[in-house]
Amino acid sequence: MTSGGGFTLRPDEAKSGGTQLSTAADALGQIGQTLSSALQAEGACWGDDESGKEFAKDYEPGAQGAVDAFTSLVEGLRGLKDQVDKAVAGFENTEETFTKDLSVKDA
């Protein structure tokens, strides 16, 4: 923030942050896929008897919730990266427009 109530944006740093968000999303997406594959590979290893059914009642929704959480996190990070990119582009376009306007007025 500047003392005049505005803000300062360093486009290169913001773009770098966006790239880091994308990298994190890729890594978390891979972890989520690994988790999902491992859970599917194990299958219903607790059996179909009463104790197995009781275990599955809580385990299956929890396991699916964990996989869904990774998906949501990845989508959120990708969405945030897109918003950072849009903010930087908007800032750069506005700055370019004002610079051109000032150049014309000074001429």
N, C-alpha and C. Protein backbone atom coordinates (compact mmCIF):
# COMPACT_ATOMS: atom_id res chain seq x y z
N MET A 1 0.84 -1.19 0.00
CA MET A 1 0.00 0.00 0.00
C MET A 1 0.88 1.24 0.00
N THR A 2 0.43 2.24 -0.69
CA THR A 2 1.11 3.52 -0.62
C THR A 2 0.37 4.39 0.36
N SER A 3 1.01 5.47 0.79
CA SER A 3 0.37 6.34 1.78
C SER A 3 -0.83 7.07 1.21
N GLY A 4 -0.96 7.15 -0.12
CA GLY A 4 -2.08 7.83 -0.75
C GLY A 4 -3.32 6.97 -0.86
N GLY A 5 -3.33 5.80 -0.28
CA GLY A 5 -4.51 4.94 -0.32
C GLY A 5 -4.55 4.01 -1.52
N GLY A 6 -3.57 4.09 -2.40
CA GLY A 6 -3.52 3.21 -3.55
C GLY A 6 -2.80 1.92 -3.22
N PHE A 7 -2.24 1.31 -4.22
CA PHE A 7 -1.48 0.09 -3.99
C PHE A 7 -0.37 0.00 -5.02
N THR A 8 0.55 -0.87 -4.74
CA THR A 8 1.65 -1.12 -5.66
C THR A 8 1.58 -2.58 -6.07
N LEU A 9 1.71 -2.81 -7.36
CA LEU A 9 1.73 -4.18 -7.87
C LEU A 9 3.02 -4.34 -8.65
N ARG A 10 3.73 -5.37 -8.32
CA ARG A 10 4.94 -5.71 -9.07
C ARG A 10 4.56 -6.88 -9.99
N PRO A 11 4.27 -6.57 -11.25
CA PRO A 11 3.75 -7.61 -12.16
C PRO A 11 4.60 -8.87 -12.24
N ASP A 12 5.92 -8.72 -12.30
CA ASP A 12 6.77 -9.91 -12.41
C ASP A 12 6.65 -10.79 -11.17
N GLU A 13 6.58 -10.16 -10.00
CA GLU A 13 6.44 -10.93 -8.76
C GLU A 13 5.06 -11.59 -8.69
N ALA A 14 4.04 -10.87 -9.13
CA ALA A 14 2.69 -11.44 -9.12
C ALA A 14 2.60 -12.62 -10.10
N LYS A 15 3.20 -12.46 -11.27
CA LYS A 15 3.21 -13.57 -12.24
C LYS A 15 3.96 -14.78 -11.68
N SER A 16 5.06 -14.52 -11.00
CA SER A 16 5.81 -15.61 -10.38
C SER A 16 4.96 -16.31 -9.32
N GLY A 17 4.22 -15.53 -8.55
CA GLY A 17 3.32 -16.13 -7.57
C GLY A 17 2.26 -16.98 -8.23
N GLY A 18 1.74 -16.51 -9.36
CA GLY A 18 0.75 -17.29 -10.11
C GLY A 18 1.33 -18.60 -10.60
N THR A 19 2.58 -18.56 -11.06
CA THR A 19 3.25 -19.78 -11.50
C THR A 19 3.42 -20.75 -10.34
N GLN A 20 3.74 -20.22 -9.16
CA GLN A 20 3.89 -21.07 -7.98
C GLN A 20 2.55 -21.70 -7.60
N LEU A 21 1.46 -20.95 -7.75
CA LEU A 21 0.13 -21.52 -7.48
C LEU A 21 -0.15 -22.67 -8.43
N SER A 22 0.20 -22.49 -9.69
CA SER A 22 -0.01 -23.54 -10.69
C SER A 22 0.83 -24.77 -10.38
N THR A 23 2.07 -24.55 -9.98
CA THR A 23 2.96 -25.65 -9.61
C THR A 23 2.40 -26.42 -8.42
N ALA A 24 1.92 -25.68 -7.43
CA ALA A 24 1.33 -26.32 -6.24
C ALA A 24 0.08 -27.11 -6.62
N ALA A 25 -0.74 -26.54 -7.51
CA ALA A 25 -1.95 -27.24 -7.95
C ALA A 25 -1.59 -28.54 -8.66
N ASP A 26 -0.57 -28.50 -9.51
CA ASP A 26 -0.14 -29.71 -10.21
C ASP A 26 0.31 -30.78 -9.22
N ALA A 27 1.12 -30.36 -8.24
CA ALA A 27 1.63 -31.32 -7.24
C ALA A 27 0.49 -31.91 -6.42
N LEU A 28 -0.42 -31.06 -5.97
CA LEU A 28 -1.55 -31.55 -5.17
C LEU A 28 -2.48 -32.41 -6.00
N GLY A 29 -2.63 -32.08 -7.27
CA GLY A 29 -3.44 -32.91 -8.16
C GLY A 29 -2.86 -34.31 -8.29
N GLN A 30 -1.54 -34.39 -8.40
CA GLN A 30 -0.88 -35.69 -8.49
C GLN A 30 -1.04 -36.48 -7.19
N ILE A 31 -0.91 -35.79 -6.06
CA ILE A 31 -1.10 -36.46 -4.77
C ILE A 31 -2.53 -36.98 -4.65
N GLY A 32 -3.49 -36.17 -5.07
CA GLY A 32 -4.89 -36.60 -5.02
C GLY A 32 -5.13 -37.81 -5.90
N GLN A 33 -4.52 -37.83 -7.09
CA GLN A 33 -4.65 -38.98 -7.99
C GLN A 33 -4.02 -40.23 -7.37
N THR A 34 -2.87 -40.06 -6.75
CA THR A 34 -2.20 -41.18 -6.09
C THR A 34 -3.07 -41.73 -4.97
N LEU A 35 -3.64 -40.84 -4.18
CA LEU A 35 -4.53 -41.26 -3.10
C LEU A 35 -5.73 -42.01 -3.66
N SER A 36 -6.36 -41.45 -4.68
CA SER A 36 -7.53 -42.07 -5.28
C SER A 36 -7.20 -43.46 -5.83
N SER A 37 -6.07 -43.57 -6.52
CA SER A 37 -5.66 -44.86 -7.08
C SER A 37 -5.39 -45.88 -5.98
N ALA A 38 -4.74 -45.44 -4.91
CA ALA A 38 -4.44 -46.35 -3.81
C ALA A 38 -5.72 -46.83 -3.14
N LEU A 39 -6.66 -45.93 -2.94
CA LEU A 39 -7.93 -46.32 -2.32
C LEU A 39 -8.70 -47.30 -3.20
N GLN A 40 -8.71 -47.05 -4.51
CA GLN A 40 -9.40 -47.95 -5.43
C GLN A 40 -8.71 -49.31 -5.49
N ALA A 41 -7.38 -49.31 -5.44
CA ALA A 41 -6.64 -50.57 -5.49
C ALA A 41 -6.92 -51.45 -4.27
N GLU A 42 -7.10 -50.82 -3.13
CA GLU A 42 -7.39 -51.58 -1.91
C GLU A 42 -8.80 -52.16 -1.94
N GLY A 43 -9.71 -51.43 -2.53
CA GLY A 43 -11.09 -51.90 -2.58
C GLY A 43 -11.68 -52.02 -1.19
N ALA A 44 -12.69 -52.84 -1.07
CA ALA A 44 -13.38 -53.04 0.22
C ALA A 44 -12.70 -54.17 0.98
N CYS A 45 -11.49 -53.90 1.44
CA CYS A 45 -10.69 -54.95 2.09
C CYS A 45 -11.17 -55.28 3.50
N TRP A 46 -12.18 -54.61 3.99
CA TRP A 46 -12.69 -54.84 5.36
C TRP A 46 -13.76 -55.91 5.41
N GLY A 47 -14.15 -56.41 4.28
CA GLY A 47 -15.12 -57.51 4.25
C GLY A 47 -16.56 -57.04 4.22
N ASP A 48 -17.45 -58.03 4.07
CA ASP A 48 -18.87 -57.73 3.91
C ASP A 48 -19.69 -58.20 5.12
N ASP A 49 -19.01 -58.55 6.21
CA ASP A 49 -19.75 -58.96 7.41
C ASP A 49 -20.23 -57.71 8.16
N GLU A 50 -20.86 -57.91 9.28
CA GLU A 50 -21.43 -56.78 10.04
C GLU A 50 -20.37 -55.76 10.46
N SER A 51 -19.24 -56.24 10.97
CA SER A 51 -18.20 -55.30 11.39
C SER A 51 -17.61 -54.58 10.19
N GLY A 52 -17.48 -55.27 9.06
CA GLY A 52 -17.01 -54.63 7.84
C GLY A 52 -17.96 -53.55 7.36
N LYS A 53 -19.25 -53.85 7.40
CA LYS A 53 -20.26 -52.87 6.99
C LYS A 53 -20.25 -51.66 7.92
N GLU A 54 -20.07 -51.92 9.21
CA GLU A 54 -20.02 -50.83 10.19
C GLU A 54 -18.81 -49.93 9.93
N PHE A 55 -17.68 -50.57 9.64
CA PHE A 55 -16.47 -49.82 9.33
C PHE A 55 -16.67 -48.99 8.06
N ALA A 56 -17.22 -49.61 7.02
CA ALA A 56 -17.40 -48.95 5.73
C ALA A 56 -18.33 -47.76 5.82
N LYS A 57 -19.29 -47.82 6.73
CA LYS A 57 -20.27 -46.75 6.88
C LYS A 57 -19.59 -45.39 7.11
N ASP A 58 -18.54 -45.38 7.89
CA ASP A 58 -17.82 -44.13 8.15
C ASP A 58 -16.60 -43.96 7.24
N TYR A 59 -15.94 -45.07 6.93
CA TYR A 59 -14.70 -45.00 6.17
C TYR A 59 -14.93 -44.52 4.73
N GLU A 60 -15.88 -45.10 4.04
CA GLU A 60 -16.07 -44.78 2.62
C GLU A 60 -16.38 -43.31 2.39
N PRO A 61 -17.33 -42.70 3.13
CA PRO A 61 -17.56 -41.27 2.91
C PRO A 61 -16.33 -40.42 3.28
N GLY A 62 -15.61 -40.84 4.31
CA GLY A 62 -14.40 -40.10 4.69
C GLY A 62 -13.31 -40.19 3.64
N ALA A 63 -13.13 -41.37 3.08
CA ALA A 63 -12.13 -41.56 2.03
C ALA A 63 -12.49 -40.75 0.80
N GLN A 64 -13.76 -40.79 0.41
CA GLN A 64 -14.20 -40.01 -0.75
C GLN A 64 -14.07 -38.51 -0.46
N GLY A 65 -14.36 -38.13 0.77
CA GLY A 65 -14.22 -36.72 1.16
C GLY A 65 -12.78 -36.24 1.03
N ALA A 66 -11.83 -37.09 1.36
CA ALA A 66 -10.42 -36.73 1.23
C ALA A 66 -10.05 -36.53 -0.24
N VAL A 67 -10.50 -37.42 -1.10
CA VAL A 67 -10.23 -37.29 -2.53
C VAL A 67 -10.89 -36.03 -3.07
N ASP A 68 -12.14 -35.80 -2.69
CA ASP A 68 -12.86 -34.60 -3.13
C ASP A 68 -12.18 -33.32 -2.65
N ALA A 69 -11.61 -33.36 -1.44
CA ALA A 69 -10.93 -32.18 -0.90
C ALA A 69 -9.71 -31.82 -1.76
N PHE A 70 -8.97 -32.83 -2.21
CA PHE A 70 -7.84 -32.56 -3.09
C PHE A 70 -8.32 -31.93 -4.39
N THR A 71 -9.40 -32.46 -4.94
CA THR A 71 -9.95 -31.91 -6.18
C THR A 71 -10.36 -30.46 -5.99
N SER A 72 -11.04 -30.17 -4.90
CA SER A 72 -11.47 -28.79 -4.62
C SER A 72 -10.29 -27.86 -4.42
N LEU A 73 -9.28 -28.33 -3.72
CA LEU A 73 -8.10 -27.52 -3.48
C LEU A 73 -7.39 -27.19 -4.79
N VAL A 74 -7.25 -28.18 -5.65
CA VAL A 74 -6.61 -27.97 -6.94
C VAL A 74 -7.41 -26.96 -7.76
N GLU A 75 -8.72 -27.12 -7.81
CA GLU A 75 -9.56 -26.18 -8.55
C GLU A 75 -9.45 -24.78 -7.97
N GLY A 76 -9.41 -24.67 -6.65
CA GLY A 76 -9.27 -23.37 -6.01
C GLY A 76 -7.96 -22.69 -6.34
N LEU A 77 -6.87 -23.44 -6.31
CA LEU A 77 -5.56 -22.87 -6.64
C LEU A 77 -5.50 -22.45 -8.10
N ARG A 78 -6.07 -23.26 -8.98
CA ARG A 78 -6.08 -22.89 -10.41
C ARG A 78 -6.93 -21.63 -10.64
N GLY A 79 -8.05 -21.56 -9.94
CA GLY A 79 -8.89 -20.37 -10.05
C GLY A 79 -8.19 -19.13 -9.52
N LEU A 80 -7.48 -19.27 -8.43
CA LEU A 80 -6.72 -18.16 -7.86
C LEU A 80 -5.63 -17.71 -8.82
N LYS A 81 -4.95 -18.68 -9.44
CA LYS A 81 -3.91 -18.35 -10.42
C LYS A 81 -4.51 -17.57 -11.59
N ASP A 82 -5.68 -18.00 -12.06
CA ASP A 82 -6.34 -17.28 -13.15
C ASP A 82 -6.67 -15.85 -12.75
N GLN A 83 -7.12 -15.66 -11.52
CA GLN A 83 -7.46 -14.32 -11.04
C GLN A 83 -6.21 -13.45 -10.91
N VAL A 84 -5.11 -14.03 -10.47
CA VAL A 84 -3.85 -13.28 -10.41
C VAL A 84 -3.45 -12.85 -11.82
N ASP A 85 -3.53 -13.77 -12.78
CA ASP A 85 -3.19 -13.44 -14.17
C ASP A 85 -4.07 -12.31 -14.70
N LYS A 86 -5.36 -12.37 -14.42
CA LYS A 86 -6.28 -11.33 -14.89
C LYS A 86 -5.98 -9.99 -14.22
N ALA A 87 -5.66 -10.02 -12.94
CA ALA A 87 -5.34 -8.78 -12.22
C ALA A 87 -4.08 -8.14 -12.79
N VAL A 88 -3.07 -8.95 -13.05
CA VAL A 88 -1.82 -8.42 -13.61
C VAL A 88 -2.07 -7.85 -15.00
N ALA A 89 -2.81 -8.58 -15.83
CA ALA A 89 -3.10 -8.09 -17.18
C ALA A 89 -3.88 -6.79 -17.12
N GLY A 90 -4.87 -6.71 -16.24
CA GLY A 90 -5.64 -5.48 -16.10
C GLY A 90 -4.78 -4.33 -15.64
N PHE A 91 -3.91 -4.59 -14.68
CA PHE A 91 -3.00 -3.55 -14.18
C PHE A 91 -2.08 -3.07 -15.30
N GLU A 92 -1.49 -4.01 -16.03
CA GLU A 92 -0.57 -3.63 -17.10
C GLU A 92 -1.29 -2.87 -18.21
N ASN A 93 -2.51 -3.28 -18.55
CA ASN A 93 -3.27 -2.57 -19.58
C ASN A 93 -3.61 -1.15 -19.13
N THR A 94 -4.02 -1.02 -17.88
CA THR A 94 -4.36 0.30 -17.35
C THR A 94 -3.12 1.19 -17.32
N GLU A 95 -2.02 0.65 -16.85
CA GLU A 95 -0.78 1.42 -16.79
C GLU A 95 -0.35 1.85 -18.19
N GLU A 96 -0.46 0.96 -19.16
CA GLU A 96 -0.09 1.28 -20.53
C GLU A 96 -0.99 2.38 -21.10
N THR A 97 -2.29 2.29 -20.83
CA THR A 97 -3.24 3.30 -21.31
C THR A 97 -2.92 4.66 -20.72
N PHE A 98 -2.68 4.72 -19.42
CA PHE A 98 -2.36 6.00 -18.78
C PHE A 98 -1.04 6.56 -19.29
N THR A 99 -0.06 5.70 -19.51
CA THR A 99 1.23 6.15 -20.03
C THR A 99 1.05 6.75 -21.42
N LYS A 100 0.26 6.10 -22.27
CA LYS A 100 0.00 6.63 -23.61
C LYS A 100 -0.74 7.96 -23.53
N ASP A 101 -1.75 8.04 -22.66
CA ASP A 101 -2.51 9.28 -22.50
C ASP A 101 -1.61 10.42 -22.05
N LEU A 102 -0.73 10.15 -21.11
CA LEU A 102 0.18 11.19 -20.63
C LEU A 102 1.17 11.59 -21.72
N SER A 103 1.62 10.64 -22.52
CA SER A 103 2.55 10.94 -23.60
C SER A 103 1.90 11.84 -24.64
N VAL A 104 0.64 11.60 -24.95
CA VAL A 104 -0.08 12.42 -25.93
C VAL A 104 -0.27 13.83 -25.40
N LYS A 105 -0.60 13.97 -24.12
CA LYS A 105 -0.82 15.28 -23.52
C LYS A 105 0.47 16.08 -23.42
N ASP A 106 1.60 15.39 -23.23
CA ASP A 106 2.89 16.08 -23.12
C ASP A 106 3.40 16.52 -24.49
N ALA A 107 2.91 15.93 -25.55
CA ALA A 107 3.42 16.22 -26.90
C ALA A 107 2.98 17.56 -27.41
